[in-house]
Amino acid sequence: MNNKGFGFNDFAENLNGRLAMLGLVIGFATELLTGKGILAQIGLM
């Protein structure tokens, strides 16, 4: 990946992607354990 501007580099993009995937997996695991969907977990429903 070429440097496209301030903050956009391979390390930052890989870290952001990995943290997003981790958050999604944790959200789904919590949904399985509690029976509430992701939106209900954060109080939007």
N, C-alpha and C. Protein backbone atom coordinates (compact mmCIF):
# COMPACT_ATOMS: atom_id res chain seq x y z
N MET A 1 0.86 -1.18 0.00
CA MET A 1 0.00 0.00 0.00
C MET A 1 0.90 1.23 0.00
N ASN A 2 0.59 2.16 -0.86
CA ASN A 2 1.34 3.40 -0.90
C ASN A 2 0.84 4.33 0.19
N ASN A 3 1.72 5.21 0.63
CA ASN A 3 1.32 6.19 1.64
C ASN A 3 0.37 7.19 0.99
N LYS A 4 -0.91 7.15 1.36
CA LYS A 4 -1.93 7.98 0.72
C LYS A 4 -2.21 9.26 1.50
N GLY A 5 -1.53 9.47 2.59
CA GLY A 5 -1.77 10.67 3.37
C GLY A 5 -1.48 10.40 4.83
N PHE A 6 -1.72 11.38 5.64
CA PHE A 6 -1.41 11.30 7.06
C PHE A 6 -2.18 10.16 7.72
N GLY A 7 -1.46 9.24 8.34
CA GLY A 7 -2.08 8.16 9.09
C GLY A 7 -2.46 6.93 8.29
N PHE A 8 -2.44 7.02 6.97
CA PHE A 8 -2.80 5.87 6.14
C PHE A 8 -1.54 5.12 5.76
N ASN A 9 -1.24 4.07 6.52
CA ASN A 9 -0.09 3.23 6.19
C ASN A 9 -0.46 1.78 6.48
N ASP A 10 0.42 0.87 6.09
CA ASP A 10 0.11 -0.55 6.23
C ASP A 10 -0.16 -0.95 7.67
N PHE A 11 0.67 -0.47 8.60
CA PHE A 11 0.50 -0.85 10.00
C PHE A 11 -0.85 -0.39 10.54
N ALA A 12 -1.20 0.86 10.29
CA ALA A 12 -2.46 1.40 10.80
C ALA A 12 -3.66 0.68 10.21
N GLU A 13 -3.61 0.40 8.91
CA GLU A 13 -4.72 -0.28 8.26
C GLU A 13 -4.87 -1.72 8.75
N ASN A 14 -3.76 -2.43 8.92
CA ASN A 14 -3.82 -3.80 9.43
C ASN A 14 -4.34 -3.83 10.86
N LEU A 15 -3.86 -2.92 11.70
CA LEU A 15 -4.31 -2.87 13.09
C LEU A 15 -5.80 -2.57 13.16
N ASN A 16 -6.26 -1.59 12.39
CA ASN A 16 -7.67 -1.23 12.40
C ASN A 16 -8.55 -2.39 11.94
N GLY A 17 -8.13 -3.09 10.90
CA GLY A 17 -8.89 -4.24 10.42
C GLY A 17 -8.96 -5.35 11.44
N ARG A 18 -7.84 -5.63 12.09
CA ARG A 18 -7.82 -6.69 13.09
C ARG A 18 -8.67 -6.34 14.30
N LEU A 19 -8.62 -5.09 14.74
CA LEU A 19 -9.45 -4.68 15.88
C LEU A 19 -10.94 -4.71 15.52
N ALA A 20 -11.28 -4.35 14.29
CA ALA A 20 -12.67 -4.41 13.86
C ALA A 20 -13.17 -5.85 13.84
N MET A 21 -12.35 -6.77 13.32
CA MET A 21 -12.75 -8.18 13.30
C MET A 21 -12.89 -8.73 14.72
N LEU A 22 -11.98 -8.34 15.60
CA LEU A 22 -12.05 -8.79 16.99
C LEU A 22 -13.32 -8.27 17.67
N GLY A 23 -13.65 -7.01 17.44
CA GLY A 23 -14.87 -6.45 18.02
C GLY A 23 -16.12 -7.14 17.52
N LEU A 24 -16.14 -7.48 16.25
CA LEU A 24 -17.30 -8.17 15.69
C LEU A 24 -17.45 -9.57 16.28
N VAL A 25 -16.34 -10.28 16.41
CA VAL A 25 -16.38 -11.63 17.00
C VAL A 25 -16.82 -11.56 18.46
N ILE A 26 -16.32 -10.58 19.21
CA ILE A 26 -16.73 -10.43 20.61
C ILE A 26 -18.22 -10.09 20.68
N GLY A 27 -18.70 -9.24 19.77
CA GLY A 27 -20.13 -8.91 19.74
C GLY A 27 -21.00 -10.12 19.46
N PHE A 28 -20.59 -10.95 18.50
CA PHE A 28 -21.36 -12.16 18.20
C PHE A 28 -21.30 -13.15 19.35
N ALA A 29 -20.15 -13.29 19.99
CA ALA A 29 -20.04 -14.21 21.13
C ALA A 29 -20.93 -13.75 22.27
N THR A 30 -20.96 -12.44 22.52
CA THR A 30 -21.82 -11.91 23.57
C THR A 30 -23.29 -12.12 23.21
N GLU A 31 -23.62 -12.00 21.93
CA GLU A 31 -24.99 -12.26 21.49
C GLU A 31 -25.39 -13.70 21.77
N LEU A 32 -24.50 -14.63 21.51
CA LEU A 32 -24.80 -16.04 21.79
C LEU A 32 -24.98 -16.29 23.28
N LEU A 33 -24.18 -15.62 24.11
CA LEU A 33 -24.25 -15.84 25.56
C LEU A 33 -25.43 -15.15 26.22
N THR A 34 -25.80 -13.95 25.74
CA THR A 34 -26.86 -13.18 26.41
C THR A 34 -28.21 -13.30 25.74
N GLY A 35 -28.24 -13.65 24.45
CA GLY A 35 -29.50 -13.71 23.72
C GLY A 35 -29.94 -12.37 23.17
N LYS A 36 -29.15 -11.31 23.38
CA LYS A 36 -29.46 -9.98 22.86
C LYS A 36 -28.60 -9.72 21.63
N GLY A 37 -29.18 -9.04 20.65
CA GLY A 37 -28.42 -8.68 19.46
C GLY A 37 -27.42 -7.57 19.76
N ILE A 38 -26.58 -7.29 18.78
CA ILE A 38 -25.54 -6.28 18.97
C ILE A 38 -26.15 -4.91 19.25
N LEU A 39 -27.20 -4.54 18.54
CA LEU A 39 -27.83 -3.24 18.78
C LEU A 39 -28.46 -3.16 20.16
N ALA A 40 -29.05 -4.24 20.63
CA ALA A 40 -29.63 -4.26 21.98
C ALA A 40 -28.53 -4.20 23.04
N GLN A 41 -27.39 -4.78 22.75
CA GLN A 41 -26.28 -4.75 23.71
C GLN A 41 -25.81 -3.33 23.98
N ILE A 42 -25.82 -2.49 22.94
CA ILE A 42 -25.34 -1.12 23.13
C ILE A 42 -26.48 -0.14 23.39
N GLY A 43 -27.69 -0.65 23.55
CA GLY A 43 -28.82 0.17 23.97
C GLY A 43 -29.55 0.91 22.87
N LEU A 44 -29.41 0.49 21.62
CA LEU A 44 -30.11 1.17 20.53
C LEU A 44 -31.45 0.55 20.22
N MET A 45 -31.78 -0.58 20.84
CA MET A 45 -33.07 -1.21 20.61
C MET A 45 -33.65 -1.66 21.93
